[in-house]
Amino acid sequence: MGSTSDLEIAKPITLKSGLTLPNRLVKAAMAENMAPGNHLPSEKLLKVYEKWAAGGWGMVLTGMSYTLINTHSSPLTFTPNYRFPQHTP
């Protein structure tokens, strides 16, 4: 058996967008449920993503987040624009 660097998963890949990933390892999106009840990212959530970002993944997909405050499945889910007024077209 060859070395780890011989595996396809360890080789860079260029996406159709032109973005080149250093390898083919992808951390899938999850519902982390780490908002502290206020729908904003907690320090704990930020630390988890810092570790994932430094962990050698080719791509890290963010977890479940909502864009509308009235659509949450849990008070611990994250809403990036929670403190901004809702846009009404």
PDB file of N, CA and C in Angstrom:
ATOM      1  N   MET A   1       0.840  -1.184   0.000  1.00  0.00           N
ATOM      2  CA  MET A   1       0.000   0.000   0.000  1.00  0.00           C
ATOM      3  C   MET A   1       0.884   1.246   0.000  1.00  0.00           C
ATOM      4  N   GLY A   2       0.455   2.279  -0.748  1.00  0.00           N
ATOM      5  CA  GLY A   2       1.226   3.517  -0.849  1.00  0.00           C
ATOM      6  C   GLY A   2       1.054   4.397   0.375  1.00  0.00           C
ATOM      7  N   SER A   3       1.683   5.533   0.311  1.00  0.00           N
ATOM      8  CA  SER A   3       1.580   6.490   1.414  1.00  0.00           C
ATOM      9  C   SER A   3       0.246   7.232   1.351  1.00  0.00           C
ATOM     10  N   THR A   4      -0.068   7.945   2.430  1.00  0.00           N
ATOM     11  CA  THR A   4      -1.306   8.714   2.498  1.00  0.00           C
ATOM     12  C   THR A   4      -1.374   9.740   1.385  1.00  0.00           C
ATOM     13  N   SER A   5      -0.242  10.324   0.997  1.00  0.00           N
ATOM     14  CA  SER A   5      -0.227  11.347  -0.050  1.00  0.00           C
ATOM     15  C   SER A   5      -0.561  10.768  -1.425  1.00  0.00           C
ATOM     16  N   ASP A   6      -0.522   9.434  -1.570  1.00  0.00           N
ATOM     17  CA  ASP A   6      -0.889   8.796  -2.825  1.00  0.00           C
ATOM     18  C   ASP A   6      -2.403   8.658  -2.984  1.00  0.00           C
ATOM     19  N   LEU A   7      -3.148   8.818  -1.919  1.00  0.00           N
ATOM     20  CA  LEU A   7      -4.599   8.664  -1.971  1.00  0.00           C
ATOM     21  C   LEU A   7      -5.242   9.852  -2.679  1.00  0.00           C
ATOM     22  N   GLU A   8      -6.264   9.591  -3.472  1.00  0.00           N
ATOM     23  CA  GLU A   8      -6.982  10.657  -4.175  1.00  0.00           C
ATOM     24  C   GLU A   8      -7.545  11.689  -3.207  1.00  0.00           C
ATOM     25  N   ILE A   9      -8.003  11.245  -2.046  1.00  0.00           N
ATOM     26  CA  ILE A   9      -8.616  12.152  -1.071  1.00  0.00           C
ATOM     27  C   ILE A   9      -7.620  13.190  -0.550  1.00  0.00           C
ATOM     28  N   ALA A  10      -6.336  12.892  -0.628  1.00  0.00           N
ATOM     29  CA  ALA A  10      -5.303  13.809  -0.129  1.00  0.00           C
ATOM     30  C   ALA A  10      -4.826  14.786  -1.194  1.00  0.00           C
ATOM     31  N   LYS A  11      -5.281  14.611  -2.427  1.00  0.00           N
ATOM     32  CA  LYS A  11      -4.814  15.453  -3.532  1.00  0.00           C
ATOM     33  C   LYS A  11      -5.696  16.685  -3.703  1.00  0.00           C
ATOM     34  N   PRO A  12      -5.118  17.793  -4.148  1.00  0.00           N
ATOM     35  CA  PRO A  12      -5.914  19.006  -4.405  1.00  0.00           C
ATOM     36  C   PRO A  12      -6.949  18.751  -5.505  1.00  0.00           C
ATOM     37  N   ILE A  13      -8.008  19.537  -5.462  1.00  0.00           N
ATOM     38  CA  ILE A  13      -9.051  19.474  -6.483  1.00  0.00           C
ATOM     39  C   ILE A  13      -9.499  20.895  -6.790  1.00  0.00           C
ATOM     40  N   THR A  14      -9.711  21.194  -8.060  1.00  0.00           N
ATOM     41  CA  THR A  14     -10.207  22.504  -8.468  1.00  0.00           C
ATOM     42  C   THR A  14     -11.685  22.378  -8.822  1.00  0.00           C
ATOM     43  N   LEU A  15     -12.503  23.189  -8.173  1.00  0.00           N
ATOM     44  CA  LEU A  15     -13.943  23.187  -8.422  1.00  0.00           C
ATOM     45  C   LEU A  15     -14.258  23.965  -9.698  1.00  0.00           C
ATOM     46  N   LYS A  16     -15.474  23.793 -10.227  1.00  0.00           N
ATOM     47  CA  LYS A  16     -15.884  24.503 -11.442  1.00  0.00           C
ATOM     48  C   LYS A  16     -15.796  26.019 -11.283  1.00  0.00           C
ATOM     49  N   SER A  17     -15.927  26.497 -10.053  1.00  0.00           N
ATOM     50  CA  SER A  17     -15.842  27.936  -9.788  1.00  0.00           C
ATOM     51  C   SER A  17     -14.419  28.465  -9.937  1.00  0.00           C
ATOM     52  N   GLY A  18     -13.450  27.561  -9.988  1.00  0.00           N
ATOM     53  CA  GLY A  18     -12.042  27.959 -10.062  1.00  0.00           C
ATOM     54  C   GLY A  18     -11.329  27.856  -8.719  1.00  0.00           C
ATOM     55  N   LEU A  19     -12.083  27.673  -7.645  1.00  0.00           N
ATOM     56  CA  LEU A  19     -11.493  27.535  -6.316  1.00  0.00           C
ATOM     57  C   LEU A  19     -10.782  26.184  -6.220  1.00  0.00           C
ATOM     58  N   THR A  20      -9.537  26.207  -5.775  1.00  0.00           N
ATOM     59  CA  THR A  20      -8.786  24.968  -5.584  1.00  0.00           C
ATOM     60  C   THR A  20      -8.722  24.642  -4.100  1.00  0.00           C
ATOM     61  N   LEU A  21      -9.177  23.445  -3.762  1.00  0.00           N
ATOM     62  CA  LEU A  21      -9.116  22.962  -2.378  1.00  0.00           C
ATOM     63  C   LEU A  21      -7.834  22.161  -2.209  1.00  0.00           C
ATOM     64  N   PRO A  22      -7.180  22.257  -1.042  1.00  0.00           N
ATOM     65  CA  PRO A  22      -5.909  21.566  -0.836  1.00  0.00           C
ATOM     66  C   PRO A  22      -6.044  20.038  -0.779  1.00  0.00           C
ATOM     67  N   ASN A  23      -7.256  19.561  -0.477  1.00  0.00           N
ATOM     68  CA  ASN A  23      -7.533  18.124  -0.447  1.00  0.00           C
ATOM     69  C   ASN A  23      -9.042  17.938  -0.609  1.00  0.00           C
ATOM     70  N   ARG A  24      -9.494  16.709  -0.562  1.00  0.00           N
ATOM     71  CA  ARG A  24     -10.909  16.421  -0.816  1.00  0.00           C
ATOM     72  C   ARG A  24     -11.671  16.087   0.458  1.00  0.00           C
ATOM     73  N   LEU A  25     -11.113  16.459   1.585  1.00  0.00           N
ATOM     74  CA  LEU A  25     -11.791  16.248   2.866  1.00  0.00           C
ATOM     75  C   LEU A  25     -12.768  17.400   3.110  1.00  0.00           C
ATOM     76  N   VAL A  26     -14.026  17.055   3.361  1.00  0.00           N
ATOM     77  CA  VAL A  26     -15.059  18.072   3.588  1.00  0.00           C
ATOM     78  C   VAL A  26     -15.744  17.789   4.914  1.00  0.00           C
ATOM     79  N   LYS A  27     -15.768  18.801   5.785  1.00  0.00           N
ATOM     80  CA  LYS A  27     -16.521  18.695   7.043  1.00  0.00           C
ATOM     81  C   LYS A  27     -17.952  19.095   6.699  1.00  0.00           C
ATOM     82  N   ALA A  28     -18.866  18.146   6.803  1.00  0.00           N
ATOM     83  CA  ALA A  28     -20.264  18.385   6.433  1.00  0.00           C
ATOM     84  C   ALA A  28     -20.944  19.351   7.392  1.00  0.00           C
ATOM     85  N   ALA A  29     -21.983  20.000   6.906  1.00  0.00           N
ATOM     86  CA  ALA A  29     -22.776  20.914   7.736  1.00  0.00           C
ATOM     87  C   ALA A  29     -23.546  20.122   8.786  1.00  0.00           C
ATOM     88  N   MET A  30     -23.667  20.711   9.955  1.00  0.00           N
ATOM     89  CA  MET A  30     -24.407  20.091  11.061  1.00  0.00           C
ATOM     90  C   MET A  30     -25.216  21.171  11.768  1.00  0.00           C
ATOM     91  N   ALA A  31     -26.181  20.764  12.544  1.00  0.00           N
ATOM     92  CA  ALA A  31     -26.889  21.681  13.433  1.00  0.00           C
ATOM     93  C   ALA A  31     -26.153  21.631  14.765  1.00  0.00           C
ATOM     94  N   GLU A  32     -25.266  22.597  15.000  1.00  0.00           N
ATOM     95  CA  GLU A  32     -24.434  22.565  16.200  1.00  0.00           C
ATOM     96  C   GLU A  32     -25.220  22.872  17.469  1.00  0.00           C
ATOM     97  N   ASN A  33     -26.264  23.688  17.358  1.00  0.00           N
ATOM     98  CA  ASN A  33     -27.062  24.093  18.525  1.00  0.00           C
ATOM     99  C   ASN A  33     -26.190  24.683  19.622  1.00  0.00           C
ATOM    100  N   MET A  34     -25.361  25.664  19.252  1.00  0.00           N
ATOM    101  CA  MET A  34     -24.456  26.305  20.198  1.00  0.00           C
ATOM    102  C   MET A  34     -24.713  27.795  20.359  1.00  0.00           C
ATOM    103  N   ALA A  35     -25.895  28.267  19.968  1.00  0.00           N
ATOM    104  CA  ALA A  35     -26.252  29.655  20.266  1.00  0.00           C
ATOM    105  C   ALA A  35     -26.744  29.663  21.712  1.00  0.00           C
ATOM    106  N   PRO A  36     -26.321  30.627  22.511  1.00  0.00           N
ATOM    107  CA  PRO A  36     -26.673  30.610  23.938  1.00  0.00           C
ATOM    108  C   PRO A  36     -28.091  31.091  24.237  1.00  0.00           C
ATOM    109  N   GLY A  37     -29.062  30.738  23.422  1.00  0.00           N
ATOM    110  CA  GLY A  37     -30.448  31.138  23.656  1.00  0.00           C
ATOM    111  C   GLY A  37     -30.795  32.493  23.075  1.00  0.00           C
ATOM    112  N   ASN A  38     -29.806  33.192  22.507  1.00  0.00           N
ATOM    113  CA  ASN A  38     -30.084  34.514  21.930  1.00  0.00           C
ATOM    114  C   ASN A  38     -29.916  34.507  20.407  1.00  0.00           C
ATOM    115  N   HIS A  39     -29.727  33.327  19.833  1.00  0.00           N
ATOM    116  CA  HIS A  39     -29.603  33.127  18.383  1.00  0.00           C
ATOM    117  C   HIS A  39     -28.346  33.747  17.777  1.00  0.00           C
ATOM    118  N   LEU A  40     -27.377  34.094  18.592  1.00  0.00           N
ATOM    119  CA  LEU A  40     -26.099  34.616  18.110  1.00  0.00           C
ATOM    120  C   LEU A  40     -25.027  33.556  18.344  1.00  0.00           C
ATOM    121  N   PRO A  41     -23.973  33.539  17.536  1.00  0.00           N
ATOM    122  CA  PRO A  41     -22.935  32.531  17.747  1.00  0.00           C
ATOM    123  C   PRO A  41     -22.238  32.716  19.087  1.00  0.00           C
ATOM    124  N   SER A  42     -22.037  31.621  19.780  1.00  0.00           N
ATOM    125  CA  SER A  42     -21.363  31.674  21.083  1.00  0.00           C
ATOM    126  C   SER A  42     -19.853  31.575  20.890  1.00  0.00           C
ATOM    127  N   GLU A  43     -19.109  31.891  21.933  1.00  0.00           N
ATOM    128  CA  GLU A  43     -17.657  31.722  21.912  1.00  0.00           C
ATOM    129  C   GLU A  43     -17.310  30.255  21.653  1.00  0.00           C
ATOM    130  N   LYS A  44     -18.098  29.356  22.241  1.00  0.00           N
ATOM    131  CA  LYS A  44     -17.876  27.925  22.059  1.00  0.00           C
ATOM    132  C   LYS A  44     -18.006  27.552  20.579  1.00  0.00           C
ATOM    133  N   LEU A  45     -19.009  28.083  19.899  1.00  0.00           N
ATOM    134  CA  LEU A  45     -19.197  27.811  18.473  1.00  0.00           C
ATOM    135  C   LEU A  45     -18.032  28.356  17.655  1.00  0.00           C
ATOM    136  N   LEU A  46     -17.589  29.564  17.973  1.00  0.00           N
ATOM    137  CA  LEU A  46     -16.458  30.151  17.259  1.00  0.00           C
ATOM    138  C   LEU A  46     -15.190  29.320  17.449  1.00  0.00           C
ATOM    139  N   LYS A  47     -14.968  28.830  18.664  1.00  0.00           N
ATOM    140  CA  LYS A  47     -13.789  28.000  18.942  1.00  0.00           C
ATOM    141  C   LYS A  47     -13.840  26.687  18.153  1.00  0.00           C
ATOM    142  N   VAL A  48     -15.034  26.087  18.058  1.00  0.00           N
ATOM    143  CA  VAL A  48     -15.189  24.842  17.302  1.00  0.00           C
ATOM    144  C   VAL A  48     -14.827  25.078  15.843  1.00  0.00           C
ATOM    145  N   TYR A  49     -15.332  26.167  15.252  1.00  0.00           N
ATOM    146  CA  TYR A  49     -15.013  26.448  13.851  1.00  0.00           C
ATOM    147  C   TYR A  49     -13.541  26.809  13.664  1.00  0.00           C
ATOM    148  N   GLU A  50     -12.927  27.459  14.648  1.00  0.00           N
ATOM    149  CA  GLU A  50     -11.489  27.732  14.576  1.00  0.00           C
ATOM    150  C   GLU A  50     -10.703  26.423  14.522  1.00  0.00           C
ATOM    151  N   LYS A  51     -11.096  25.457  15.346  1.00  0.00           N
ATOM    152  CA  LYS A  51     -10.407  24.156  15.356  1.00  0.00           C
ATOM    153  C   LYS A  51     -10.614  23.424  14.038  1.00  0.00           C
ATOM    154  N   TRP A  52     -11.836  23.444  13.526  1.00  0.00           N
ATOM    155  CA  TRP A  52     -12.102  22.790  12.248  1.00  0.00           C
ATOM    156  C   TRP A  52     -11.304  23.463  11.130  1.00  0.00           C
ATOM    157  N   ALA A  53     -11.246  24.791  11.136  1.00  0.00           N
ATOM    158  CA  ALA A  53     -10.527  25.521  10.089  1.00  0.00           C
ATOM    159  C   ALA A  53      -9.034  25.202  10.118  1.00  0.00           C
ATOM    160  N   ALA A  54      -8.483  24.985  11.295  1.00  0.00           N
ATOM    161  CA  ALA A  54      -7.053  24.692  11.430  1.00  0.00           C
ATOM    162  C   ALA A  54      -6.748  23.201  11.296  1.00  0.00           C
ATOM    163  N   GLY A  55      -7.781  22.385  11.152  1.00  0.00           N
ATOM    164  CA  GLY A  55      -7.613  20.938  11.201  1.00  0.00           C
ATOM    165  C   GLY A  55      -7.232  20.231   9.920  1.00  0.00           C
ATOM    166  N   GLY A  56      -6.982  20.960   8.836  1.00  0.00           N
ATOM    167  CA  GLY A  56      -6.540  20.306   7.614  1.00  0.00           C
ATOM    168  C   GLY A  56      -7.644  19.922   6.648  1.00  0.00           C
ATOM    169  N   TRP A  57      -8.867  20.360   6.917  1.00  0.00           N
ATOM    170  CA  TRP A  57      -9.972  20.076   6.003  1.00  0.00           C
ATOM    171  C   TRP A  57      -9.786  20.851   4.704  1.00  0.00           C
ATOM    172  N   GLY A  58     -10.181  20.238   3.593  1.00  0.00           N
ATOM    173  CA  GLY A  58     -10.176  20.946   2.316  1.00  0.00           C
ATOM    174  C   GLY A  58     -11.276  21.988   2.273  1.00  0.00           C
ATOM    175  N   MET A  59     -12.417  21.671   2.902  1.00  0.00           N
ATOM    176  CA  MET A  59     -13.558  22.588   2.939  1.00  0.00           C
ATOM    177  C   MET A  59     -14.327  22.345   4.239  1.00  0.00           C
ATOM    178  N   VAL A  60     -14.769  23.421   4.857  1.00  0.00           N
ATOM    179  CA  VAL A  60     -15.605  23.334   6.051  1.00  0.00           C
ATOM    180  C   VAL A  60     -16.940  23.993   5.708  1.00  0.00           C
ATOM    181  N   LEU A  61     -18.015  23.202   5.694  1.00  0.00           N
ATOM    182  CA  LEU A  61     -19.348  23.741   5.436  1.00  0.00           C
ATOM    183  C   LEU A  61     -19.950  24.178   6.758  1.00  0.00           C
ATOM    184  N   THR A  62     -20.514  25.371   6.774  1.00  0.00           N
ATOM    185  CA  THR A  62     -21.105  25.861   8.018  1.00  0.00           C
ATOM    186  C   THR A  62     -22.362  25.084   8.337  1.00  0.00           C
ATOM    187  N   GLY A  63     -22.725  25.125   9.593  1.00  0.00           N
ATOM    188  CA  GLY A  63     -23.893  24.393  10.046  1.00  0.00           C
ATOM    189  C   GLY A  63     -25.192  25.098   9.748  1.00  0.00           C
ATOM    190  N   MET A  64     -26.224  24.564  10.294  1.00  0.00           N
ATOM    191  CA  MET A  64     -27.557  25.089  10.073  1.00  0.00           C
ATOM    192  C   MET A  64     -27.685  26.470  10.703  1.00  0.00           C
ATOM    193  N   SER A  65     -28.082  27.433   9.913  1.00  0.00           N
ATOM    194  CA  SER A  65     -28.376  28.765  10.445  1.00  0.00           C
ATOM    195  C   SER A  65     -29.633  29.268   9.755  1.00  0.00           C
ATOM    196  N   TYR A  66     -30.375  30.073  10.454  1.00  0.00           N
ATOM    197  CA  TYR A  66     -31.634  30.601   9.941  1.00  0.00           C
ATOM    198  C   TYR A  66     -31.466  32.066   9.567  1.00  0.00           C
ATOM    199  N   THR A  67     -32.222  32.498   8.579  1.00  0.00           N
ATOM    200  CA  THR A  67     -32.184  33.900   8.192  1.00  0.00           C
ATOM    201  C   THR A  67     -33.396  34.662   8.710  1.00  0.00           C
ATOM    202  N   LEU A  68     -34.425  33.954   9.141  1.00  0.00           N
ATOM    203  CA  LEU A  68     -35.613  34.595   9.713  1.00  0.00           C
ATOM    204  C   LEU A  68     -35.800  34.112  11.141  1.00  0.00           C
ATOM    205  N   ILE A  69     -36.010  35.019  12.045  1.00  0.00           N
ATOM    206  CA  ILE A  69     -36.094  34.690  13.467  1.00  0.00           C
ATOM    207  C   ILE A  69     -37.291  33.792  13.799  1.00  0.00           C
ATOM    208  N   ASN A  70     -38.367  33.889  13.043  1.00  0.00           N
ATOM    209  CA  ASN A  70     -39.565  33.110  13.373  1.00  0.00           C
ATOM    210  C   ASN A  70     -39.556  31.706  12.774  1.00  0.00           C
ATOM    211  N   THR A  71     -38.423  31.236  12.278  1.00  0.00           N
ATOM    212  CA  THR A  71     -38.356  29.906  11.674  1.00  0.00           C
ATOM    213  C   THR A  71     -37.455  28.936  12.425  1.00  0.00           C
ATOM    214  N   HIS A  72     -37.055  29.262  13.640  1.00  0.00           N
ATOM    215  CA  HIS A  72     -36.133  28.405  14.394  1.00  0.00           C
ATOM    216  C   HIS A  72     -36.783  27.110  14.854  1.00  0.00           C
ATOM    217  N   SER A  73     -35.964  26.057  14.855  1.00  0.00           N
ATOM    218  CA  SER A  73     -36.423  24.789  15.411  1.00  0.00           C
ATOM    219  C   SER A  73     -36.013  24.664  16.879  1.00  0.00           C
ATOM    220  N   SER A  74     -35.093  25.535  17.313  1.00  0.00           N
ATOM    221  CA  SER A  74     -34.580  25.476  18.679  1.00  0.00           C
ATOM    222  C   SER A  74     -34.078  26.866  19.082  1.00  0.00           C
ATOM    223  N   PRO A  75     -34.165  27.222  20.360  1.00  0.00           N
ATOM    224  CA  PRO A  75     -33.599  28.500  20.794  1.00  0.00           C
ATOM    225  C   PRO A  75     -32.073  28.522  20.716  1.00  0.00           C
ATOM    226  N   LEU A  76     -31.466  27.376  20.472  1.00  0.00           N
ATOM    227  CA  LEU A  76     -30.009  27.295  20.409  1.00  0.00           C
ATOM    228  C   LEU A  76     -29.478  27.380  18.984  1.00  0.00           C
ATOM    229  N   THR A  77     -30.353  27.550  17.991  1.00  0.00           N
ATOM    230  CA  THR A  77     -29.886  27.665  16.612  1.00  0.00           C
ATOM    231  C   THR A  77     -29.442  29.086  16.335  1.00  0.00           C
ATOM    232  N   PHE A  78     -28.574  29.217  15.390  1.00  0.00           N
ATOM    233  CA  PHE A  78     -27.872  30.456  15.087  1.00  0.00           C
ATOM    234  C   PHE A  78     -28.580  31.217  13.965  1.00  0.00           C
ATOM    235  N   THR A  79     -28.753  32.530  14.149  1.00  0.00           N
ATOM    236  CA  THR A  79     -29.305  33.405  13.118  1.00  0.00           C
ATOM    237  C   THR A  79     -28.325  34.543  12.897  1.00  0.00           C
ATOM    238  N   PRO A  80     -27.665  34.591  11.720  1.00  0.00           N
ATOM    239  CA  PRO A  80     -26.646  35.620  11.500  1.00  0.00           C
ATOM    240  C   PRO A  80     -27.166  37.047  11.574  1.00  0.00           C
ATOM    241  N   ASN A  81     -28.398  37.293  11.146  1.00  0.00           N
ATOM    242  CA  ASN A  81     -28.908  38.665  11.103  1.00  0.00           C
ATOM    243  C   ASN A  81     -29.948  38.930  12.187  1.00  0.00           C
ATOM    244  N   TYR A  82     -29.861  38.235  13.304  1.00  0.00           N
ATOM    245  CA  TYR A  82     -30.865  38.357  14.362  1.00  0.00           C
ATOM    246  C   TYR A  82     -31.038  39.793  14.868  1.00  0.00           C
ATOM    247  N   ARG A  83     -29.958  40.544  14.961  1.00  0.00           N
ATOM    248  CA  ARG A  83     -30.041  41.894  15.522  1.00  0.00           C
ATOM    249  C   ARG A  83     -30.366  42.964  14.493  1.00  0.00           C
ATOM    250  N   PHE A  84     -30.545  42.565  13.239  1.00  0.00           N
ATOM    251  CA  PHE A  84     -30.862  43.524  12.199  1.00  0.00           C
ATOM    252  C   PHE A  84     -32.347  43.494  11.898  1.00  0.00           C
ATOM    253  N   PRO A  85     -32.938  44.630  11.488  1.00  0.00           N
ATOM    254  CA  PRO A  85     -34.369  44.638  11.166  1.00  0.00           C
ATOM    255  C   PRO A  85     -34.667  43.685  10.014  1.00  0.00           C
ATOM    256  N   GLN A  86     -35.826  43.073  10.060  1.00  0.00           N
ATOM    257  CA  GLN A  86     -36.242  42.178   8.984  1.00  0.00           C
ATOM    258  C   GLN A  86     -36.511  42.968   7.725  1.00  0.00           C
ATOM    259  N   HIS A  87     -36.075  42.455   6.593  1.00  0.00           N
ATOM    260  CA  HIS A  87     -36.288  43.099   5.299  1.00  0.00           C
ATOM    261  C   HIS A  87     -37.649  42.696   4.762  1.00  0.00           C
ATOM    262  N   THR A  88     -38.448  43.657   4.406  1.00  0.00           N
ATOM    263  CA  THR A  88     -39.745  43.379   3.790  1.00  0.00           C
ATOM    264  C   THR A  88     -39.749  43.981   2.402  1.00  0.00           C
ATOM    265  N   PRO A  89     -39.840  43.114   1.365  1.00  0.00           N
ATOM    266  CA  PRO A  89     -39.805  43.659  -0.019  1.00  0.00           C
ATOM    267  C   PRO A  89     -41.011  44.517  -0.337  1.00  0.00           C
TER     268      PRO A  89
END
